[in-house]
Amino acid sequence: VRLPAPDGMAPATGYSHVAWGTGRLIAISGQVALDEHGRLVGPGD
């Protein structure tokens, strides 16, 4: 469930203020712009 604007809050632009759910939690480490061979994609871009 995503709630862009809880009561009493300004609407979010480009995100939801609150999100929740039930099930299995998945945490994904911070990803950077490396391709499957470990090469940088888009230097300076």
PDB file of all heavy atoms in Angstrom:
ATOM      1  N   VAL A   1       0.860  -1.179   0.000  1.00  0.00           N
ATOM      2  CA  VAL A   1       0.000   0.000   0.000  1.00  0.00           C
ATOM      3  C   VAL A   1       0.902   1.237   0.000  1.00  0.00           C
ATOM      4  O   VAL A   1       1.880   1.294   0.742  1.00  0.00           O
ATOM      5  CB  VAL A   1      -0.923   0.016   1.242  1.00  0.00           C
ATOM      6  CG1 VAL A   1      -1.780   1.269   1.266  1.00  0.00           C
ATOM      7  CG2 VAL A   1      -1.775  -1.236   1.284  1.00  0.00           C
ATOM      8  N   ARG A   2       0.565   2.200  -0.832  1.00  0.00           N
ATOM      9  CA  ARG A   2       1.317   3.454  -0.894  1.00  0.00           C
ATOM     10  C   ARG A   2       0.372   4.599  -0.594  1.00  0.00           C
ATOM     11  O   ARG A   2      -0.735   4.637  -1.124  1.00  0.00           O
ATOM     12  CB  ARG A   2       1.937   3.619  -2.278  1.00  0.00           C
ATOM     13  CG  ARG A   2       3.003   2.591  -2.554  1.00  0.00           C
ATOM     14  CD  ARG A   2       3.405   2.602  -4.033  1.00  0.00           C
ATOM     15  NE  ARG A   2       4.355   1.549  -4.310  1.00  0.00           N
ATOM     16  CZ  ARG A   2       4.017   0.285  -4.580  1.00  0.00           C
ATOM     17  NH1 ARG A   2       2.763  -0.072  -4.610  1.00  0.00           N
ATOM     18  NH2 ARG A   2       4.945  -0.616  -4.824  1.00  0.00           N
ATOM     19  N   LEU A   3       0.814   5.513   0.246  1.00  0.00           N
ATOM     20  CA  LEU A   3      -0.008   6.655   0.638  1.00  0.00           C
ATOM     21  C   LEU A   3       0.772   7.927   0.311  1.00  0.00           C
ATOM     22  O   LEU A   3       1.670   8.316   1.056  1.00  0.00           O
ATOM     23  CB  LEU A   3      -0.336   6.572   2.131  1.00  0.00           C
ATOM     24  CG  LEU A   3      -1.300   7.602   2.690  1.00  0.00           C
ATOM     25  CD1 LEU A   3      -2.640   7.566   1.958  1.00  0.00           C
ATOM     26  CD2 LEU A   3      -1.503   7.353   4.172  1.00  0.00           C
ATOM     27  N   PRO A   4       0.449   8.568  -0.819  1.00  0.00           N
ATOM     28  CA  PRO A   4       1.196   9.769  -1.203  1.00  0.00           C
ATOM     29  C   PRO A   4       1.037  10.928  -0.226  1.00  0.00           C
ATOM     30  O   PRO A   4       1.972  11.691  -0.031  1.00  0.00           O
ATOM     31  CB  PRO A   4       0.621  10.137  -2.569  1.00  0.00           C
ATOM     32  CG  PRO A   4       0.009   8.879  -3.085  1.00  0.00           C
ATOM     33  CD  PRO A   4      -0.478   8.145  -1.862  1.00  0.00           C
ATOM     34  N   ALA A   5      -0.139  11.059   0.405  1.00  0.00           N
ATOM     35  CA  ALA A   5      -0.377  12.203   1.284  1.00  0.00           C
ATOM     36  C   ALA A   5      -1.262  11.813   2.462  1.00  0.00           C
ATOM     37  O   ALA A   5      -2.486  11.827   2.352  1.00  0.00           O
ATOM     38  CB  ALA A   5      -1.012  13.348   0.510  1.00  0.00           C
ATOM     39  N   PRO A   6      -0.673  11.469   3.606  1.00  0.00           N
ATOM     40  CA  PRO A   6      -1.489  11.222   4.803  1.00  0.00           C
ATOM     41  C   PRO A   6      -2.245  12.491   5.201  1.00  0.00           C
ATOM     42  O   PRO A   6      -1.848  13.603   4.835  1.00  0.00           O
ATOM     43  CB  PRO A   6      -0.457  10.860   5.872  1.00  0.00           C
ATOM     44  CG  PRO A   6       0.761  10.459   5.122  1.00  0.00           C
ATOM     45  CD  PRO A   6       0.741  11.250   3.851  1.00  0.00           C
ATOM     46  N   ASP A   7      -3.318  12.341   5.950  1.00  0.00           N
ATOM     47  CA  ASP A   7      -4.093  13.493   6.408  1.00  0.00           C
ATOM     48  C   ASP A   7      -3.182  14.523   7.076  1.00  0.00           C
ATOM     49  O   ASP A   7      -2.316  14.169   7.890  1.00  0.00           O
ATOM     50  CB  ASP A   7      -5.169  13.059   7.409  1.00  0.00           C
ATOM     51  CG  ASP A   7      -6.301  12.298   6.745  1.00  0.00           C
ATOM     52  OD1 ASP A   7      -6.436  12.393   5.500  1.00  0.00           O
ATOM     53  OD2 ASP A   7      -7.043  11.612   7.462  1.00  0.00           O
ATOM     54  N   GLY A   8      -3.374  15.781   6.706  1.00  0.00           N
ATOM     55  CA  GLY A   8      -2.626  16.866   7.309  1.00  0.00           C
ATOM     56  C   GLY A   8      -1.251  17.098   6.700  1.00  0.00           C
ATOM     57  O   GLY A   8      -0.486  17.927   7.199  1.00  0.00           O
ATOM     58  N   MET A   9      -0.905  16.381   5.618  1.00  0.00           N
ATOM     59  CA  MET A   9       0.399  16.553   4.976  1.00  0.00           C
ATOM     60  C   MET A   9       0.209  17.003   3.533  1.00  0.00           C
ATOM     61  O   MET A   9      -0.752  16.610   2.877  1.00  0.00           O
ATOM     62  CB  MET A   9       1.200  15.247   5.004  1.00  0.00           C
ATOM     63  CG  MET A   9       1.554  14.820   6.417  1.00  0.00           C
ATOM     64  SD  MET A   9       2.755  13.498   6.460  1.00  0.00           S
ATOM     65  CE  MET A   9       4.190  14.305   5.787  1.00  0.00           C
ATOM     66  N   ALA A  10       1.134  17.797   3.058  1.00  0.00           N
ATOM     67  CA  ALA A  10       1.115  18.215   1.656  1.00  0.00           C
ATOM     68  C   ALA A  10       1.359  16.995   0.775  1.00  0.00           C
ATOM     69  O   ALA A  10       2.132  16.102   1.136  1.00  0.00           O
ATOM     70  CB  ALA A  10       2.193  19.265   1.405  1.00  0.00           C
ATOM     71  N   PRO A  11       0.697  16.928  -0.374  1.00  0.00           N
ATOM     72  CA  PRO A  11       0.913  15.796  -1.276  1.00  0.00           C
ATOM     73  C   PRO A  11       2.385  15.685  -1.694  1.00  0.00           C
ATOM     74  O   PRO A  11       3.056  16.687  -1.922  1.00  0.00           O
ATOM     75  CB  PRO A  11       0.038  16.130  -2.487  1.00  0.00           C
ATOM     76  CG  PRO A  11      -0.967  17.109  -1.985  1.00  0.00           C
ATOM     77  CD  PRO A  11      -0.286  17.874  -0.890  1.00  0.00           C
ATOM     78  N   ALA A  12       2.831  14.465  -1.788  1.00  0.00           N
ATOM     79  CA  ALA A  12       4.204  14.207  -2.234  1.00  0.00           C
ATOM     80  C   ALA A  12       4.280  14.374  -3.744  1.00  0.00           C
ATOM     81  O   ALA A  12       3.339  14.065  -4.457  1.00  0.00           O
ATOM     82  CB  ALA A  12       4.617  12.796  -1.843  1.00  0.00           C
ATOM     83  N   THR A  13       5.399  14.861  -4.212  1.00  0.00           N
ATOM     84  CA  THR A  13       5.640  14.991  -5.637  1.00  0.00           C
ATOM     85  C   THR A  13       6.768  14.042  -6.005  1.00  0.00           C
ATOM     86  O   THR A  13       7.913  14.251  -5.610  1.00  0.00           O
ATOM     87  CB  THR A  13       6.018  16.442  -6.004  1.00  0.00           C
ATOM     88  OG1 THR A  13       4.977  17.315  -5.577  1.00  0.00           O
ATOM     89  CG2 THR A  13       6.234  16.588  -7.499  1.00  0.00           C
ATOM     90  N   GLY A  14       6.446  12.978  -6.725  1.00  0.00           N
ATOM     91  CA  GLY A  14       7.463  12.051  -7.180  1.00  0.00           C
ATOM     92  C   GLY A  14       7.795  10.943  -6.199  1.00  0.00           C
ATOM     93  O   GLY A  14       8.771  10.221  -6.392  1.00  0.00           O
ATOM     94  N   TYR A  15       7.017  10.764  -5.142  1.00  0.00           N
ATOM     95  CA  TYR A  15       7.219   9.692  -4.176  1.00  0.00           C
ATOM     96  C   TYR A  15       5.976   9.591  -3.306  1.00  0.00           C
ATOM     97  O   TYR A  15       5.085  10.419  -3.390  1.00  0.00           O
ATOM     98  CB  TYR A  15       8.460   9.932  -3.300  1.00  0.00           C
ATOM     99  CG  TYR A  15       8.365  11.165  -2.430  1.00  0.00           C
ATOM    100  CD1 TYR A  15       7.926  11.075  -1.117  1.00  0.00           C
ATOM    101  CD2 TYR A  15       8.689  12.422  -2.928  1.00  0.00           C
ATOM    102  CE1 TYR A  15       7.829  12.216  -0.315  1.00  0.00           C
ATOM    103  CE2 TYR A  15       8.599  13.560  -2.141  1.00  0.00           C
ATOM    104  CZ  TYR A  15       8.165  13.448  -0.838  1.00  0.00           C
ATOM    105  OH  TYR A  15       8.055  14.570  -0.058  1.00  0.00           O
ATOM    106  N   SER A  16       5.906   8.543  -2.498  1.00  0.00           N
ATOM    107  CA  SER A  16       4.835   8.403  -1.506  1.00  0.00           C
ATOM    108  C   SER A  16       5.414   8.701  -0.133  1.00  0.00           C
ATOM    109  O   SER A  16       6.548   8.316   0.156  1.00  0.00           O
ATOM    110  CB  SER A  16       4.280   6.970  -1.522  1.00  0.00           C
ATOM    111  OG  SER A  16       3.626   6.716  -2.741  1.00  0.00           O
ATOM    112  N   HIS A  17       4.647   9.379   0.715  1.00  0.00           N
ATOM    113  CA  HIS A  17       5.109   9.636   2.079  1.00  0.00           C
ATOM    114  C   HIS A  17       5.229   8.348   2.878  1.00  0.00           C
ATOM    115  O   HIS A  17       6.114   8.214   3.714  1.00  0.00           O
ATOM    116  CB  HIS A  17       4.162  10.593   2.814  1.00  0.00           C
ATOM    117  CG  HIS A  17       4.365  12.037   2.485  1.00  0.00           C
ATOM    118  ND1 HIS A  17       5.476  12.732   2.865  1.00  0.00           N
ATOM    119  CD2 HIS A  17       3.593  12.912   1.802  1.00  0.00           C
ATOM    120  CE1 HIS A  17       5.390  13.987   2.441  1.00  0.00           C
ATOM    121  NE2 HIS A  17       4.253  14.120   1.784  1.00  0.00           N
ATOM    122  N   VAL A  18       4.314   7.409   2.626  1.00  0.00           N
ATOM    123  CA  VAL A  18       4.254   6.178   3.407  1.00  0.00           C
ATOM    124  C   VAL A  18       4.003   4.997   2.470  1.00  0.00           C
ATOM    125  O   VAL A  18       3.212   5.100   1.534  1.00  0.00           O
ATOM    126  CB  VAL A  18       3.107   6.230   4.444  1.00  0.00           C
ATOM    127  CG1 VAL A  18       3.082   4.984   5.303  1.00  0.00           C
ATOM    128  CG2 VAL A  18       3.192   7.480   5.300  1.00  0.00           C
ATOM    129  N   ALA A  19       4.682   3.878   2.738  1.00  0.00           N
ATOM    130  CA  ALA A  19       4.407   2.630   2.029  1.00  0.00           C
ATOM    131  C   ALA A  19       4.557   1.490   3.023  1.00  0.00           C
ATOM    132  O   ALA A  19       5.437   1.514   3.878  1.00  0.00           O
ATOM    133  CB  ALA A  19       5.375   2.457   0.864  1.00  0.00           C
ATOM    134  N   TRP A  20       3.660   0.492   2.941  1.00  0.00           N
ATOM    135  CA  TRP A  20       3.757  -0.663   3.824  1.00  0.00           C
ATOM    136  C   TRP A  20       3.194  -1.870   3.101  1.00  0.00           C
ATOM    137  O   TRP A  20       2.569  -1.757   2.054  1.00  0.00           O
ATOM    138  CB  TRP A  20       3.036  -0.419   5.145  1.00  0.00           C
ATOM    139  CG  TRP A  20       1.546  -0.316   5.041  1.00  0.00           C
ATOM    140  CD1 TRP A  20       0.643  -1.333   5.103  1.00  0.00           C
ATOM    141  CD2 TRP A  20       0.769   0.875   4.864  1.00  0.00           C
ATOM    142  NE1 TRP A  20      -0.639  -0.860   4.976  1.00  0.00           N
ATOM    143  CE2 TRP A  20      -0.587   0.490   4.824  1.00  0.00           C
ATOM    144  CE3 TRP A  20       1.079   2.218   4.717  1.00  0.00           C
ATOM    145  CZ2 TRP A  20      -1.620   1.419   4.649  1.00  0.00           C
ATOM    146  CZ3 TRP A  20       0.060   3.127   4.559  1.00  0.00           C
ATOM    147  CH2 TRP A  20      -1.270   2.730   4.533  1.00  0.00           C
ATOM    148  N   GLY A  21       3.422  -3.024   3.684  1.00  0.00           N
ATOM    149  CA  GLY A  21       2.901  -4.240   3.088  1.00  0.00           C
ATOM    150  C   GLY A  21       3.106  -5.434   3.995  1.00  0.00           C
ATOM    151  O   GLY A  21       3.643  -5.317   5.093  1.00  0.00           O
ATOM    152  N   THR A  22       2.663  -6.579   3.504  1.00  0.00           N
ATOM    153  CA  THR A  22       2.847  -7.821   4.223  1.00  0.00           C
ATOM    154  C   THR A  22       3.566  -8.804   3.313  1.00  0.00           C
ATOM    155  O   THR A  22       3.394  -8.772   2.095  1.00  0.00           O
ATOM    156  CB  THR A  22       1.500  -8.433   4.650  1.00  0.00           C
ATOM    157  OG1 THR A  22       0.711  -8.653   3.484  1.00  0.00           O
ATOM    158  CG2 THR A  22       0.770  -7.536   5.616  1.00  0.00           C
ATOM    159  N   GLY A  23       4.395  -9.653   3.889  1.00  0.00           N
ATOM    160  CA  GLY A  23       5.103 -10.645   3.093  1.00  0.00           C
ATOM    161  C   GLY A  23       6.567 -10.738   3.484  1.00  0.00           C
ATOM    162  O   GLY A  23       6.956 -10.409   4.597  1.00  0.00           O
ATOM    163  N   ARG A  24       7.389 -11.163   2.527  1.00  0.00           N
ATOM    164  CA  ARG A  24       8.833 -11.356   2.731  1.00  0.00           C
ATOM    165  C   ARG A  24       9.572 -10.069   2.375  1.00  0.00           C
ATOM    166  O   ARG A  24       9.412  -9.532   1.288  1.00  0.00           O
ATOM    167  CB  ARG A  24       9.307 -12.507   1.841  1.00  0.00           C
ATOM    168  CG  ARG A  24      10.789 -12.780   1.917  1.00  0.00           C
ATOM    169  CD  ARG A  24      11.174 -14.051   1.163  1.00  0.00           C
ATOM    170  NE  ARG A  24      10.537 -14.202  -0.125  1.00  0.00           N
ATOM    171  CZ  ARG A  24      11.093 -13.826  -1.295  1.00  0.00           C
ATOM    172  NH1 ARG A  24      12.278 -13.276  -1.337  1.00  0.00           N
ATOM    173  NH2 ARG A  24      10.446 -14.016  -2.427  1.00  0.00           N
ATOM    174  N   LEU A  25      10.392  -9.572   3.306  1.00  0.00           N
ATOM    175  CA  LEU A  25      11.168  -8.360   3.097  1.00  0.00           C
ATOM    176  C   LEU A  25      12.410  -8.664   2.264  1.00  0.00           C
ATOM    177  O   LEU A  25      13.109  -9.644   2.518  1.00  0.00           O
ATOM    178  CB  LEU A  25      11.599  -7.761   4.443  1.00  0.00           C
ATOM    179  CG  LEU A  25      12.442  -6.494   4.384  1.00  0.00           C
ATOM    180  CD1 LEU A  25      11.641  -5.344   3.772  1.00  0.00           C
ATOM    181  CD2 LEU A  25      12.937  -6.122   5.773  1.00  0.00           C
ATOM    182  N   ILE A  26      12.672  -7.798   1.289  1.00  0.00           N
ATOM    183  CA  ILE A  26      13.859  -7.913   0.440  1.00  0.00           C
ATOM    184  C   ILE A  26      14.645  -6.614   0.563  1.00  0.00           C
ATOM    185  O   ILE A  26      14.097  -5.535   0.338  1.00  0.00           O
ATOM    186  CB  ILE A  26      13.471  -8.140  -1.029  1.00  0.00           C
ATOM    187  CG1 ILE A  26      12.662  -9.427  -1.170  1.00  0.00           C
ATOM    188  CG2 ILE A  26      14.707  -8.171  -1.921  1.00  0.00           C
ATOM    189  CD1 ILE A  26      11.955  -9.561  -2.496  1.00  0.00           C
ATOM    190  N   ALA A  27      15.916  -6.719   0.928  1.00  0.00           N
ATOM    191  CA  ALA A  27      16.804  -5.549   1.006  1.00  0.00           C
ATOM    192  C   ALA A  27      17.819  -5.671  -0.122  1.00  0.00           C
ATOM    193  O   ALA A  27      18.502  -6.689  -0.243  1.00  0.00           O
ATOM    194  CB  ALA A  27      17.516  -5.519   2.351  1.00  0.00           C
ATOM    195  N   ILE A  28      17.923  -4.624  -0.942  1.00  0.00           N
ATOM    196  CA  ILE A  28      18.882  -4.622  -2.042  1.00  0.00           C
ATOM    197  C   ILE A  28      19.928  -3.560  -1.765  1.00  0.00           C
ATOM    198  O   ILE A  28      19.609  -2.379  -1.582  1.00  0.00           O
ATOM    199  CB  ILE A  28      18.191  -4.366  -3.389  1.00  0.00           C
ATOM    200  CG1 ILE A  28      17.172  -5.488  -3.650  1.00  0.00           C
ATOM    201  CG2 ILE A  28      19.214  -4.282  -4.518  1.00  0.00           C
ATOM    202  CD1 ILE A  28      16.381  -5.320  -4.902  1.00  0.00           C
ATOM    203  N   SER A  29      21.165  -3.996  -1.724  1.00  0.00           N
ATOM    204  CA  SER A  29      22.286  -3.083  -1.490  1.00  0.00           C
ATOM    205  C   SER A  29      22.312  -1.983  -2.532  1.00  0.00           C
ATOM    206  O   SER A  29      21.804  -2.143  -3.651  1.00  0.00           O
ATOM    207  CB  SER A  29      23.607  -3.853  -1.566  1.00  0.00           C
ATOM    208  OG  SER A  29      23.693  -4.786  -0.526  1.00  0.00           O
ATOM    209  N   GLY A  30      22.933  -0.882  -2.170  1.00  0.00           N
ATOM    210  CA  GLY A  30      23.096   0.219  -3.106  1.00  0.00           C
ATOM    211  C   GLY A  30      23.764  -0.260  -4.384  1.00  0.00           C
ATOM    212  O   GLY A  30      24.785  -0.944  -4.341  1.00  0.00           O
ATOM    213  N   GLN A  31      23.154   0.103  -5.501  1.00  0.00           N
ATOM    214  CA  GLN A  31      23.670  -0.287  -6.806  1.00  0.00           C
ATOM    215  C   GLN A  31      24.291   0.917  -7.501  1.00  0.00           C
ATOM    216  O   GLN A  31      23.781   2.033  -7.409  1.00  0.00           O
ATOM    217  CB  GLN A  31      22.538  -0.858  -7.681  1.00  0.00           C
ATOM    218  CG  GLN A  31      21.914  -2.115  -7.103  1.00  0.00           C
ATOM    219  CD  GLN A  31      22.903  -3.252  -7.053  1.00  0.00           C
ATOM    220  OE1 GLN A  31      23.520  -3.624  -8.053  1.00  0.00           O
ATOM    221  NE2 GLN A  31      23.073  -3.819  -5.861  1.00  0.00           N
ATOM    222  N   VAL A  32      25.400   0.670  -8.179  1.00  0.00           N
ATOM    223  CA  VAL A  32      26.069   1.690  -8.971  1.00  0.00           C
ATOM    224  C   VAL A  32      26.027   1.265 -10.439  1.00  0.00           C
ATOM    225  O   VAL A  32      25.553   0.184 -10.772  1.00  0.00           O
ATOM    226  CB  VAL A  32      27.526   1.926  -8.495  1.00  0.00           C
ATOM    227  CG1 VAL A  32      27.532   2.541  -7.097  1.00  0.00           C
ATOM    228  CG2 VAL A  32      28.331   0.641  -8.543  1.00  0.00           C
ATOM    229  N   ALA A  33      26.543   2.105 -11.326  1.00  0.00           N
ATOM    230  CA  ALA A  33      26.407   1.903 -12.769  1.00  0.00           C
ATOM    231  C   ALA A  33      27.472   0.974 -13.348  1.00  0.00           C
ATOM    232  O   ALA A  33      28.203   1.335 -14.267  1.00  0.00           O
ATOM    233  CB  ALA A  33      26.425   3.248 -13.484  1.00  0.00           C
ATOM    234  N   LEU A  34      27.546  -0.232 -12.818  1.00  0.00           N
ATOM    235  CA  LEU A  34      28.444  -1.237 -13.385  1.00  0.00           C
ATOM    236  C   LEU A  34      27.617  -2.236 -14.188  1.00  0.00           C
ATOM    237  O   LEU A  34      26.544  -2.647 -13.749  1.00  0.00           O
ATOM    238  CB  LEU A  34      29.200  -1.971 -12.278  1.00  0.00           C
ATOM    239  CG  LEU A  34      30.177  -1.135 -11.459  1.00  0.00           C
ATOM    240  CD1 LEU A  34      30.796  -1.986 -10.352  1.00  0.00           C
ATOM    241  CD2 LEU A  34      31.263  -0.537 -12.348  1.00  0.00           C
ATOM    242  N   ASP A  35      28.149  -2.647 -15.356  1.00  0.00           N
ATOM    243  CA  ASP A  35      27.459  -3.669 -16.136  1.00  0.00           C
ATOM    244  C   ASP A  35      27.818  -5.052 -15.602  1.00  0.00           C
ATOM    245  O   ASP A  35      28.543  -5.171 -14.601  1.00  0.00           O
ATOM    246  CB  ASP A  35      27.766  -3.518 -17.630  1.00  0.00           C
ATOM    247  CG  ASP A  35      29.216  -3.821 -18.000  1.00  0.00           C
ATOM    248  OD1 ASP A  35      29.978  -4.372 -17.173  1.00  0.00           O
ATOM    249  OD2 ASP A  35      29.593  -3.506 -19.153  1.00  0.00           O
ATOM    250  N   GLU A  36      27.337  -6.081 -16.272  1.00  0.00           N
ATOM    251  CA  GLU A  36      27.547  -7.450 -15.806  1.00  0.00           C
ATOM    252  C   GLU A  36      29.010  -7.886 -15.826  1.00  0.00           C
ATOM    253  O   GLU A  36      29.373  -8.900 -15.230  1.00  0.00           O
ATOM    254  CB  GLU A  36      26.684  -8.445 -16.599  1.00  0.00           C
ATOM    255  CG  GLU A  36      27.014  -8.524 -18.075  1.00  0.00           C
ATOM    256  CD  GLU A  36      26.264  -7.505 -18.935  1.00  0.00           C
ATOM    257  OE1 GLU A  36      25.690  -6.543 -18.400  1.00  0.00           O
ATOM    258  OE2 GLU A  36      26.275  -7.677 -20.168  1.00  0.00           O
ATOM    259  N   HIS A  37      29.874  -7.102 -16.490  1.00  0.00           N
ATOM    260  CA  HIS A  37      31.310  -7.405 -16.528  1.00  0.00           C
ATOM    261  C   HIS A  37      32.108  -6.525 -15.569  1.00  0.00           C
ATOM    262  O   HIS A  37      33.333  -6.569 -15.572  1.00  0.00           O
ATOM    263  CB  HIS A  37      31.835  -7.247 -17.957  1.00  0.00           C
ATOM    264  CG  HIS A  37      31.080  -8.077 -18.956  1.00  0.00           C
ATOM    265  ND1 HIS A  37      31.148  -9.453 -19.001  1.00  0.00           N
ATOM    266  CD2 HIS A  37      30.204  -7.714 -19.914  1.00  0.00           C
ATOM    267  CE1 HIS A  37      30.358  -9.905 -19.958  1.00  0.00           C
ATOM    268  NE2 HIS A  37      29.764  -8.877 -20.521  1.00  0.00           N
ATOM    269  N   GLY A  38      31.405  -5.707 -14.777  1.00  0.00           N
ATOM    270  CA  GLY A  38      32.078  -4.832 -13.826  1.00  0.00           C
ATOM    271  C   GLY A  38      32.625  -3.554 -14.438  1.00  0.00           C
ATOM    272  O   GLY A  38      33.432  -2.870 -13.822  1.00  0.00           O
ATOM    273  N   ARG A  39      32.148  -3.221 -15.640  1.00  0.00           N
ATOM    274  CA  ARG A  39      32.598  -1.998 -16.317  1.00  0.00           C
ATOM    275  C   ARG A  39      31.606  -0.867 -16.067  1.00  0.00           C
ATOM    276  O   ARG A  39      30.394  -1.074 -16.081  1.00  0.00           O
ATOM    277  CB  ARG A  39      32.728  -2.235 -17.823  1.00  0.00           C
ATOM    278  CG  ARG A  39      33.861  -3.178 -18.189  1.00  0.00           C
ATOM    279  CD  ARG A  39      34.016  -3.284 -19.700  1.00  0.00           C
ATOM    280  NE  ARG A  39      32.783  -3.771 -20.298  1.00  0.00           N
ATOM    281  CZ  ARG A  39      32.651  -4.946 -20.909  1.00  0.00           C
ATOM    282  NH1 ARG A  39      33.670  -5.758 -21.014  1.00  0.00           N
ATOM    283  NH2 ARG A  39      31.491  -5.297 -21.432  1.00  0.00           N
ATOM    284  N   LEU A  40      32.137   0.328 -15.882  1.00  0.00           N
ATOM    285  CA  LEU A  40      31.303   1.509 -15.679  1.00  0.00           C
ATOM    286  C   LEU A  40      30.503   1.815 -16.938  1.00  0.00           C
ATOM    287  O   LEU A  40      31.051   1.854 -18.036  1.00  0.00           O
ATOM    288  CB  LEU A  40      32.174   2.711 -15.312  1.00  0.00           C
ATOM    289  CG  LEU A  40      31.451   4.044 -15.155  1.00  0.00           C
ATOM    290  CD1 LEU A  40      30.499   4.008 -13.964  1.00  0.00           C
ATOM    291  CD2 LEU A  40      32.444   5.174 -15.007  1.00  0.00           C
ATOM    292  N   VAL A  41      29.217   2.065 -16.763  1.00  0.00           N
ATOM    293  CA  VAL A  41      28.341   2.501 -17.850  1.00  0.00           C
ATOM    294  C   VAL A  41      28.105   3.995 -17.686  1.00  0.00           C
ATOM    295  O   VAL A  41      27.741   4.450 -16.600  1.00  0.00           O
ATOM    296  CB  VAL A  41      26.995   1.736 -17.810  1.00  0.00           C
ATOM    297  CG1 VAL A  41      26.008   2.308 -18.820  1.00  0.00           C
ATOM    298  CG2 VAL A  41      27.224   0.254 -18.031  1.00  0.00           C
ATOM    299  N   GLY A  42      28.345   4.773 -18.736  1.00  0.00           N
ATOM    300  CA  GLY A  42      28.028   6.198 -18.725  1.00  0.00           C
ATOM    301  C   GLY A  42      28.968   7.081 -17.929  1.00  0.00           C
ATOM    302  O   GLY A  42      28.495   7.879 -17.113  1.00  0.00           O
ATOM    303  N   PRO A  43      30.277   6.996 -18.168  1.00  0.00           N
ATOM    304  CA  PRO A  43      31.187   7.894 -17.442  1.00  0.00           C
ATOM    305  C   PRO A  43      30.768   9.363 -17.611  1.00  0.00           C
ATOM    306  O   PRO A  43      30.566   9.823 -18.735  1.00  0.00           O
ATOM    307  CB  PRO A  43      32.546   7.644 -18.092  1.00  0.00           C
ATOM    308  CG  PRO A  43      32.427   6.300 -18.741  1.00  0.00           C
ATOM    309  CD  PRO A  43      30.977   6.163 -19.133  1.00  0.00           C
ATOM    310  N   GLY A  44      30.561  10.058 -16.502  1.00  0.00           N
ATOM    311  CA  GLY A  44      30.189  11.472 -16.539  1.00  0.00           C
ATOM    312  C   GLY A  44      28.763  11.753 -16.967  1.00  0.00           C
ATOM    313  O   GLY A  44      28.378  12.910 -17.085  1.00  0.00           O
ATOM    314  N   ASP A  45      27.957  10.731 -17.205  1.00  0.00           N
ATOM    315  CA  ASP A  45      26.596  10.889 -17.725  1.00  0.00           C
ATOM    316  C   ASP A  45      25.586  10.375 -16.696  1.00  0.00           C
ATOM    317  O   ASP A  45      25.350   9.164 -16.593  1.00  0.00           O
ATOM    318  CB  ASP A  45      26.473  10.101 -19.037  1.00  0.00           C
ATOM    319  CG  ASP A  45      25.107  10.231 -19.688  1.00  0.00           C
ATOM    320  OD1 ASP A  45      24.147  10.721 -19.048  1.00  0.00           O
ATOM    321  OD2 ASP A  45      24.991   9.811 -20.864  1.00  0.00           O
TER     322      ASP A  45
END
